[in-house]
Amino acid sequence: PAMTMSGAASRQSMEPRINHADGIITITDANTTIAYCRYDETGAIEYLFVGPAFRRRGHARRMLALVEERVGRKLHFEPPLSPLGRLLVA
């Protein structure tokens, strides 16, 4: 018989995980990258992406808060800023 995952293990693998690397934060689950942010130590946000299926759930703001906490300074966005990015900072 095939082995199946328990409900608890299955739910745990679907919980978003935050991954830090130098200048990059990603939010992933077991299947995909939910969101991605590239930044530098001056607080410049170079790139911010949230997958279409995961937008409007607070992932971008959560990542920005994590970056601000990590660099210890006010953040600013590097141009160009997309129309969706303008909505985030408005």
PDB file of N, CA and C in Angstrom:
ATOM      1  N   PRO A   1       0.820  -1.193   0.000  1.00  0.00           N
ATOM      2  CA  PRO A   1       0.000   0.000   0.000  1.00  0.00           C
ATOM      3  C   PRO A   1       0.859   1.249   0.000  1.00  0.00           C
ATOM      4  N   ALA A   2       0.355   2.271  -0.634  1.00  0.00           N
ATOM      5  CA  ALA A   2       1.063   3.540  -0.703  1.00  0.00           C
ATOM      6  C   ALA A   2       1.024   4.236   0.648  1.00  0.00           C
ATOM      7  N   MET A   3       2.114   4.905   0.977  1.00  0.00           N
ATOM      8  CA  MET A   3       2.159   5.651   2.231  1.00  0.00           C
ATOM      9  C   MET A   3       1.560   7.028   1.993  1.00  0.00           C
ATOM     10  N   THR A   4       0.813   7.507   2.952  1.00  0.00           N
ATOM     11  CA  THR A   4       0.232   8.836   2.840  1.00  0.00           C
ATOM     12  C   THR A   4       0.723   9.697   3.986  1.00  0.00           C
ATOM     13  N   MET A   5       0.738  10.994   3.750  1.00  0.00           N
ATOM     14  CA  MET A   5       1.141  11.922   4.798  1.00  0.00           C
ATOM     15  C   MET A   5      -0.038  12.162   5.718  1.00  0.00           C
ATOM     16  N   SER A   6       0.245  12.328   6.990  1.00  0.00           N
ATOM     17  CA  SER A   6      -0.829  12.665   7.912  1.00  0.00           C
ATOM     18  C   SER A   6      -1.299  14.079   7.626  1.00  0.00           C
ATOM     19  N   GLY A   7      -2.484  14.425   8.080  1.00  0.00           N
ATOM     20  CA  GLY A   7      -3.022  15.765   7.886  1.00  0.00           C
ATOM     21  C   GLY A   7      -2.116  16.824   8.467  1.00  0.00           C
ATOM     22  N   ALA A   8      -1.540  16.578   9.640  1.00  0.00           N
ATOM     23  CA  ALA A   8      -0.664  17.558  10.284  1.00  0.00           C
ATOM     24  C   ALA A   8       0.597  17.776   9.457  1.00  0.00           C
ATOM     25  N   ALA A   9       1.194  16.705   8.958  1.00  0.00           N
ATOM     26  CA  ALA A   9       2.405  16.832   8.158  1.00  0.00           C
ATOM     27  C   ALA A   9       2.102  17.547   6.851  1.00  0.00           C
ATOM     28  N   SER A  10       0.967  17.255   6.259  1.00  0.00           N
ATOM     29  CA  SER A  10       0.574  17.893   5.013  1.00  0.00           C
ATOM     30  C   SER A  10       0.367  19.392   5.218  1.00  0.00           C
ATOM     31  N   ARG A  11      -0.317  19.775   6.282  1.00  0.00           N
ATOM     32  CA  ARG A  11      -0.539  21.193   6.574  1.00  0.00           C
ATOM     33  C   ARG A  11       0.783  21.899   6.831  1.00  0.00           C
ATOM     34  N   GLN A  12       1.681  21.245   7.547  1.00  0.00           N
ATOM     35  CA  GLN A  12       2.962  21.850   7.874  1.00  0.00           C
ATOM     36  C   GLN A  12       3.762  22.135   6.602  1.00  0.00           C
ATOM     37  N   SER A  13       3.735  21.239   5.629  1.00  0.00           N
ATOM     38  CA  SER A  13       4.506  21.445   4.410  1.00  0.00           C
ATOM     39  C   SER A  13       3.922  22.571   3.574  1.00  0.00           C
ATOM     40  N   MET A  14       2.655  22.900   3.764  1.00  0.00           N
ATOM     41  CA  MET A  14       2.020  23.970   3.010  1.00  0.00           C
ATOM     42  C   MET A  14       2.143  25.323   3.711  1.00  0.00           C
ATOM     43  N   GLU A  15       2.630  25.349   4.944  1.00  0.00           N
ATOM     44  CA  GLU A  15       2.819  26.614   5.656  1.00  0.00           C
ATOM     45  C   GLU A  15       3.947  27.396   4.985  1.00  0.00           C
ATOM     46  N   PRO A  16       3.758  28.694   4.788  1.00  0.00           N
ATOM     47  CA  PRO A  16       4.831  29.500   4.201  1.00  0.00           C
ATOM     48  C   PRO A  16       6.075  29.508   5.097  1.00  0.00           C
ATOM     49  N   ARG A  17       7.237  29.464   4.450  1.00  0.00           N
ATOM     50  CA  ARG A  17       8.519  29.535   5.151  1.00  0.00           C
ATOM     51  C   ARG A  17       9.268  30.767   4.662  1.00  0.00           C
ATOM     52  N   ILE A  18       9.926  31.454   5.578  1.00  0.00           N
ATOM     53  CA  ILE A  18      10.728  32.621   5.224  1.00  0.00           C
ATOM     54  C   ILE A  18      12.183  32.182   5.169  1.00  0.00           C
ATOM     55  N   ASN A  19      12.837  32.503   4.059  1.00  0.00           N
ATOM     56  CA  ASN A  19      14.225  32.124   3.847  1.00  0.00           C
ATOM     57  C   ASN A  19      15.052  33.392   3.657  1.00  0.00           C
ATOM     58  N   HIS A  20      16.155  33.499   4.398  1.00  0.00           N
ATOM     59  CA  HIS A  20      17.040  34.657   4.312  1.00  0.00           C
ATOM     60  C   HIS A  20      18.364  34.227   3.687  1.00  0.00           C
ATOM     61  N   ALA A  21      18.865  35.052   2.805  1.00  0.00           N
ATOM     62  CA  ALA A  21      20.231  34.939   2.293  1.00  0.00           C
ATOM     63  C   ALA A  21      20.742  36.377   2.224  1.00  0.00           C
ATOM     64  N   ASP A  22      22.007  36.572   1.975  1.00  0.00           N
ATOM     65  CA  ASP A  22      22.532  37.936   1.894  1.00  0.00           C
ATOM     66  C   ASP A  22      21.795  38.712   0.812  1.00  0.00           C
ATOM     67  N   GLY A  23      21.029  39.708   1.215  1.00  0.00           N
ATOM     68  CA  GLY A  23      20.345  40.579   0.282  1.00  0.00           C
ATOM     69  C   GLY A  23      19.099  40.015  -0.373  1.00  0.00           C
ATOM     70  N   ILE A  24      18.646  38.860   0.065  1.00  0.00           N
ATOM     71  CA  ILE A  24      17.462  38.239  -0.539  1.00  0.00           C
ATOM     72  C   ILE A  24      16.601  37.610   0.548  1.00  0.00           C
ATOM     73  N   ILE A  25      15.300  37.858   0.456  1.00  0.00           N
ATOM     74  CA  ILE A  25      14.330  37.164   1.308  1.00  0.00           C
ATOM     75  C   ILE A  25      13.314  36.522   0.384  1.00  0.00           C
ATOM     76  N   THR A  26      13.005  35.253   0.633  1.00  0.00           N
ATOM     77  CA  THR A  26      11.944  34.587  -0.109  1.00  0.00           C
ATOM     78  C   THR A  26      10.938  34.009   0.874  1.00  0.00           C
ATOM     79  N   ILE A  27       9.702  33.955   0.438  1.00  0.00           N
ATOM     80  CA  ILE A  27       8.658  33.249   1.167  1.00  0.00           C
ATOM     81  C   ILE A  27       8.231  32.114   0.252  1.00  0.00           C
ATOM     82  N   THR A  28       8.330  30.892   0.745  1.00  0.00           N
ATOM     83  CA  THR A  28       8.009  29.713  -0.058  1.00  0.00           C
ATOM     84  C   THR A  28       7.080  28.791   0.716  1.00  0.00           C
ATOM     85  N   ASP A  29       6.444  27.895  -0.020  1.00  0.00           N
ATOM     86  CA  ASP A  29       5.786  26.762   0.619  1.00  0.00           C
ATOM     87  C   ASP A  29       6.408  25.518   0.000  1.00  0.00           C
ATOM     88  N   ALA A  30       5.838  24.371   0.213  1.00  0.00           N
ATOM     89  CA  ALA A  30       6.430  23.137  -0.281  1.00  0.00           C
ATOM     90  C   ALA A  30       6.463  23.077  -1.810  1.00  0.00           C
ATOM     91  N   ASN A  31       5.631  23.873  -2.476  1.00  0.00           N
ATOM     92  CA  ASN A  31       5.501  23.755  -3.919  1.00  0.00           C
ATOM     93  C   ASN A  31       6.048  24.910  -4.744  1.00  0.00           C
ATOM     94  N   THR A  32       6.128  26.105  -4.183  1.00  0.00           N
ATOM     95  CA  THR A  32       6.448  27.254  -5.018  1.00  0.00           C
ATOM     96  C   THR A  32       7.040  28.416  -4.217  1.00  0.00           C
ATOM     97  N   THR A  33       7.595  29.353  -4.933  1.00  0.00           N
ATOM     98  CA  THR A  33       8.006  30.621  -4.337  1.00  0.00           C
ATOM     99  C   THR A  33       6.789  31.524  -4.320  1.00  0.00           C
ATOM    100  N   ILE A  34       6.410  31.966  -3.138  1.00  0.00           N
ATOM    101  CA  ILE A  34       5.250  32.845  -2.968  1.00  0.00           C
ATOM    102  C   ILE A  34       5.662  34.285  -3.241  1.00  0.00           C
ATOM    103  N   ALA A  35       6.802  34.695  -2.689  1.00  0.00           N
ATOM    104  CA  ALA A  35       7.260  36.070  -2.819  1.00  0.00           C
ATOM    105  C   ALA A  35       8.777  36.113  -2.737  1.00  0.00           C
ATOM    106  N   TYR A  36       9.339  37.188  -3.305  1.00  0.00           N
ATOM    107  CA  TYR A  36      10.783  37.328  -3.412  1.00  0.00           C
ATOM    108  C   TYR A  36      11.135  38.801  -3.281  1.00  0.00           C
ATOM    109  N   CYS A  37      12.177  39.117  -2.515  1.00  0.00           N
ATOM    110  CA  CYS A  37      12.622  40.500  -2.372  1.00  0.00           C
ATOM    111  C   CYS A  37      14.145  40.539  -2.382  1.00  0.00           C
ATOM    112  N   ARG A  38      14.690  41.419  -3.242  1.00  0.00           N
ATOM    113  CA  ARG A  38      16.140  41.634  -3.281  1.00  0.00           C
ATOM    114  C   ARG A  38      16.401  43.056  -2.797  1.00  0.00           C
ATOM    115  N   TYR A  39      17.352  43.213  -1.879  1.00  0.00           N
ATOM    116  CA  TYR A  39      17.617  44.509  -1.259  1.00  0.00           C
ATOM    117  C   TYR A  39      19.105  44.646  -0.989  1.00  0.00           C
ATOM    118  N   ASP A  40      19.525  45.865  -0.630  1.00  0.00           N
ATOM    119  CA  ASP A  40      20.914  46.031  -0.204  1.00  0.00           C
ATOM    120  C   ASP A  40      20.965  46.623   1.201  1.00  0.00           C
ATOM    121  N   GLU A  41      22.147  46.714   1.753  1.00  0.00           N
ATOM    122  CA  GLU A  41      22.315  47.125   3.154  1.00  0.00           C
ATOM    123  C   GLU A  41      21.950  48.586   3.412  1.00  0.00           C
ATOM    124  N   THR A  42      21.782  49.393   2.355  1.00  0.00           N
ATOM    125  CA  THR A  42      21.371  50.787   2.537  1.00  0.00           C
ATOM    126  C   THR A  42      19.855  50.917   2.695  1.00  0.00           C
ATOM    127  N   GLY A  43      19.141  49.804   2.508  1.00  0.00           N
ATOM    128  CA  GLY A  43      17.684  49.837   2.579  1.00  0.00           C
ATOM    129  C   GLY A  43      17.023  50.015   1.231  1.00  0.00           C
ATOM    130  N   ALA A  44      17.795  49.908   0.162  1.00  0.00           N
ATOM    131  CA  ALA A  44      17.244  50.020  -1.193  1.00  0.00           C
ATOM    132  C   ALA A  44      16.588  48.701  -1.586  1.00  0.00           C
ATOM    133  N   ILE A  45      15.327  48.781  -1.962  1.00  0.00           N
ATOM    134  CA  ILE A  45      14.620  47.615  -2.479  1.00  0.00           C
ATOM    135  C   ILE A  45      14.860  47.595  -3.983  1.00  0.00           C
ATOM    136  N   GLU A  46      15.584  46.571  -4.442  1.00  0.00           N
ATOM    137  CA  GLU A  46      15.932  46.469  -5.847  1.00  0.00           C
ATOM    138  C   GLU A  46      14.859  45.734  -6.636  1.00  0.00           C
ATOM    139  N   TYR A  47      14.218  44.762  -6.004  1.00  0.00           N
ATOM    140  CA  TYR A  47      13.215  43.960  -6.706  1.00  0.00           C
ATOM    141  C   TYR A  47      12.283  43.349  -5.676  1.00  0.00           C
ATOM    142  N   LEU A  48      11.000  43.402  -5.962  1.00  0.00           N
ATOM    143  CA  LEU A  48       9.992  42.820  -5.080  1.00  0.00           C
ATOM    144  C   LEU A  48       8.944  42.150  -5.961  1.00  0.00           C
ATOM    145  N   PHE A  49       8.689  40.884  -5.705  1.00  0.00           N
ATOM    146  CA  PHE A  49       7.722  40.138  -6.501  1.00  0.00           C
ATOM    147  C   PHE A  49       6.870  39.269  -5.590  1.00  0.00           C
ATOM    148  N   VAL A  50       5.572  39.264  -5.836  1.00  0.00           N
ATOM    149  CA  VAL A  50       4.651  38.344  -5.175  1.00  0.00           C
ATOM    150  C   VAL A  50       3.881  37.648  -6.295  1.00  0.00           C
ATOM    151  N   GLY A  51       3.872  36.313  -6.260  1.00  0.00           N
ATOM    152  CA  GLY A  51       3.167  35.548  -7.284  1.00  0.00           C
ATOM    153  C   GLY A  51       1.701  35.939  -7.368  1.00  0.00           C
ATOM    154  N   PRO A  52       1.161  35.990  -8.578  1.00  0.00           N
ATOM    155  CA  PRO A  52      -0.232  36.425  -8.758  1.00  0.00           C
ATOM    156  C   PRO A  52      -1.237  35.697  -7.868  1.00  0.00           C
ATOM    157  N   ALA A  53      -1.070  34.420  -7.656  1.00  0.00           N
ATOM    158  CA  ALA A  53      -2.018  33.660  -6.833  1.00  0.00           C
ATOM    159  C   ALA A  53      -1.941  34.028  -5.351  1.00  0.00           C
ATOM    160  N   PHE A  54      -0.878  34.757  -4.949  1.00  0.00           N
ATOM    161  CA  PHE A  54      -0.658  35.056  -3.537  1.00  0.00           C
ATOM    162  C   PHE A  54      -0.756  36.549  -3.212  1.00  0.00           C
ATOM    163  N   ARG A  55      -1.144  37.343  -4.176  1.00  0.00           N
ATOM    164  CA  ARG A  55      -1.219  38.786  -3.962  1.00  0.00           C
ATOM    165  C   ARG A  55      -2.404  39.160  -3.084  1.00  0.00           C
ATOM    166  N   ARG A  56      -2.307  40.341  -2.488  1.00  0.00           N
ATOM    167  CA  ARG A  56      -3.359  40.908  -1.620  1.00  0.00           C
ATOM    168  C   ARG A  56      -3.544  40.096  -0.337  1.00  0.00           C
ATOM    169  N   ARG A  57      -2.463  39.464   0.136  1.00  0.00           N
ATOM    170  CA  ARG A  57      -2.505  38.686   1.379  1.00  0.00           C
ATOM    171  C   ARG A  57      -1.470  39.170   2.389  1.00  0.00           C
ATOM    172  N   GLY A  58      -0.809  40.283   2.100  1.00  0.00           N
ATOM    173  CA  GLY A  58       0.143  40.865   3.042  1.00  0.00           C
ATOM    174  C   GLY A  58       1.574  40.374   2.925  1.00  0.00           C
ATOM    175  N   HIS A  59       1.875  39.546   1.930  1.00  0.00           N
ATOM    176  CA  HIS A  59       3.235  39.013   1.811  1.00  0.00           C
ATOM    177  C   HIS A  59       4.265  40.099   1.519  1.00  0.00           C
ATOM    178  N   ALA A  60       3.939  41.056   0.656  1.00  0.00           N
ATOM    179  CA  ALA A  60       4.903  42.121   0.324  1.00  0.00           C
ATOM    180  C   ALA A  60       5.196  42.977   1.554  1.00  0.00           C
ATOM    181  N   ARG A  61       4.170  43.384   2.257  1.00  0.00           N
ATOM    182  CA  ARG A  61       4.385  44.202   3.466  1.00  0.00           C
ATOM    183  C   ARG A  61       5.166  43.421   4.521  1.00  0.00           C
ATOM    184  N   ARG A  62       4.885  42.141   4.639  1.00  0.00           N
ATOM    185  CA  ARG A  62       5.617  41.310   5.603  1.00  0.00           C
ATOM    186  C   ARG A  62       7.103  41.263   5.254  1.00  0.00           C
ATOM    187  N   MET A  63       7.414  41.075   3.967  1.00  0.00           N
ATOM    188  CA  MET A  63       8.811  41.047   3.553  1.00  0.00           C
ATOM    189  C   MET A  63       9.483  42.389   3.789  1.00  0.00           C
ATOM    190  N   LEU A  64       8.783  43.483   3.480  1.00  0.00           N
ATOM    191  CA  LEU A  64       9.375  44.802   3.698  1.00  0.00           C
ATOM    192  C   LEU A  64       9.657  45.050   5.174  1.00  0.00           C
ATOM    193  N   ALA A  65       8.772  44.599   6.041  1.00  0.00           N
ATOM    194  CA  ALA A  65       9.004  44.735   7.483  1.00  0.00           C
ATOM    195  C   ALA A  65      10.231  43.927   7.909  1.00  0.00           C
ATOM    196  N   LEU A  66      10.403  42.748   7.353  1.00  0.00           N
ATOM    197  CA  LEU A  66      11.568  41.920   7.671  1.00  0.00           C
ATOM    198  C   LEU A  66      12.864  42.579   7.189  1.00  0.00           C
ATOM    199  N   VAL A  67      12.829  43.148   5.997  1.00  0.00           N
ATOM    200  CA  VAL A  67      14.011  43.827   5.467  1.00  0.00           C
ATOM    201  C   VAL A  67      14.351  45.034   6.329  1.00  0.00           C
ATOM    202  N   GLU A  68      13.335  45.829   6.670  1.00  0.00           N
ATOM    203  CA  GLU A  68      13.581  47.017   7.488  1.00  0.00           C
ATOM    204  C   GLU A  68      14.186  46.631   8.839  1.00  0.00           C
ATOM    205  N   GLU A  69      13.678  45.570   9.426  1.00  0.00           N
ATOM    206  CA  GLU A  69      14.224  45.083  10.698  1.00  0.00           C
ATOM    207  C   GLU A  69      15.668  44.622  10.521  1.00  0.00           C
ATOM    208  N   ARG A  70      15.949  43.951   9.428  1.00  0.00           N
ATOM    209  CA  ARG A  70      17.286  43.408   9.190  1.00  0.00           C
ATOM    210  C   ARG A  70      18.321  44.508   8.933  1.00  0.00           C
ATOM    211  N   VAL A  71      17.971  45.511   8.108  1.00  0.00           N
ATOM    212  CA  VAL A  71      18.957  46.559   7.778  1.00  0.00           C
ATOM    213  C   VAL A  71      18.959  47.693   8.786  1.00  0.00           C
ATOM    214  N   GLY A  72      17.890  47.811   9.573  1.00  0.00           N
ATOM    215  CA  GLY A  72      17.844  48.828  10.618  1.00  0.00           C
ATOM    216  C   GLY A  72      17.744  50.246  10.110  1.00  0.00           C
ATOM    217  N   ARG A  73      17.131  50.433   8.961  1.00  0.00           N
ATOM    218  CA  ARG A  73      16.939  51.781   8.426  1.00  0.00           C
ATOM    219  C   ARG A  73      15.701  51.838   7.548  1.00  0.00           C
ATOM    220  N   LYS A  74      15.280  53.061   7.246  1.00  0.00           N
ATOM    221  CA  LYS A  74      14.111  53.272   6.408  1.00  0.00           C
ATOM    222  C   LYS A  74      14.394  52.751   4.995  1.00  0.00           C
ATOM    223  N   LEU A  75      13.403  52.106   4.409  1.00  0.00           N
ATOM    224  CA  LEU A  75      13.562  51.527   3.079  1.00  0.00           C
ATOM    225  C   LEU A  75      13.201  52.536   1.999  1.00  0.00           C
ATOM    226  N   HIS A  76      13.781  52.341   0.828  1.00  0.00           N
ATOM    227  CA  HIS A  76      13.414  53.109  -0.360  1.00  0.00           C
ATOM    228  C   HIS A  76      13.495  52.194  -1.576  1.00  0.00           C
ATOM    229  N   PHE A  77      12.678  52.490  -2.567  1.00  0.00           N
ATOM    230  CA  PHE A  77      12.604  51.661  -3.765  1.00  0.00           C
ATOM    231  C   PHE A  77      13.487  52.240  -4.861  1.00  0.00           C
ATOM    232  N   GLU A  78      14.225  51.367  -5.515  1.00  0.00           N
ATOM    233  CA  GLU A  78      15.030  51.749  -6.664  1.00  0.00           C
ATOM    234  C   GLU A  78      14.132  51.775  -7.900  1.00  0.00           C
ATOM    235  N   PRO A  79      14.309  52.755  -8.796  1.00  0.00           N
ATOM    236  CA  PRO A  79      13.517  52.755 -10.025  1.00  0.00           C
ATOM    237  C   PRO A  79      13.963  51.608 -10.945  1.00  0.00           C
ATOM    238  N   PRO A  80      13.129  51.158 -11.832  1.00  0.00           N
ATOM    239  CA  PRO A  80      11.763  51.613 -12.078  1.00  0.00           C
ATOM    240  C   PRO A  80      10.780  50.977 -11.100  1.00  0.00           C
ATOM    241  N   LEU A  81       9.711  51.666 -10.812  1.00  0.00           N
ATOM    242  CA  LEU A  81       8.674  51.169  -9.913  1.00  0.00           C
ATOM    243  C   LEU A  81       7.442  50.835 -10.753  1.00  0.00           C
ATOM    244  N   SER A  82       7.015  49.591 -10.688  1.00  0.00           N
ATOM    245  CA  SER A  82       5.878  49.138 -11.503  1.00  0.00           C
ATOM    246  C   SER A  82       4.572  49.745 -10.996  1.00  0.00           C
ATOM    247  N   PRO A  83       3.515  49.681 -11.803  1.00  0.00           N
ATOM    248  CA  PRO A  83       2.210  50.163 -11.332  1.00  0.00           C
ATOM    249  C   PRO A  83       1.742  49.462 -10.060  1.00  0.00           C
ATOM    250  N   LEU A  84       1.965  48.154  -9.949  1.00  0.00           N
ATOM    251  CA  LEU A  84       1.579  47.441  -8.720  1.00  0.00           C
ATOM    252  C   LEU A  84       2.461  47.883  -7.556  1.00  0.00           C
ATOM    253  N   GLY A  85       3.738  48.149  -7.817  1.00  0.00           N
ATOM    254  CA  GLY A  85       4.623  48.637  -6.769  1.00  0.00           C
ATOM    255  C   GLY A  85       4.204  50.000  -6.257  1.00  0.00           C
ATOM    256  N   ARG A  86       3.726  50.846  -7.150  1.00  0.00           N
ATOM    257  CA  ARG A  86       3.240  52.172  -6.732  1.00  0.00           C
ATOM    258  C   ARG A  86       2.075  52.051  -5.767  1.00  0.00           C
ATOM    259  N   LEU A  87       1.222  51.054  -5.986  1.00  0.00           N
ATOM    260  CA  LEU A  87       0.099  50.824  -5.068  1.00  0.00           C
ATOM    261  C   LEU A  87       0.596  50.434  -3.681  1.00  0.00           C
ATOM    262  N   LEU A  88       1.672  49.692  -3.617  1.00  0.00           N
ATOM    263  CA  LEU A  88       2.225  49.232  -2.344  1.00  0.00           C
ATOM    264  C   LEU A  88       2.750  50.392  -1.506  1.00  0.00           C
ATOM    265  N   VAL A  89       3.372  51.363  -2.142  1.00  0.00           N
ATOM    266  CA  VAL A  89       3.993  52.462  -1.405  1.00  0.00           C
ATOM    267  C   VAL A  89       3.077  53.675  -1.275  1.00  0.00           C
ATOM    268  N   ALA A  90       1.921  53.620  -1.886  1.00  0.00           N
ATOM    269  CA  ALA A  90       0.985  54.768  -1.834  1.00  0.00           C
ATOM    270  C   ALA A  90       0.375  54.925  -0.456  1.00  0.00           C
TER     271      ALA A  90
END
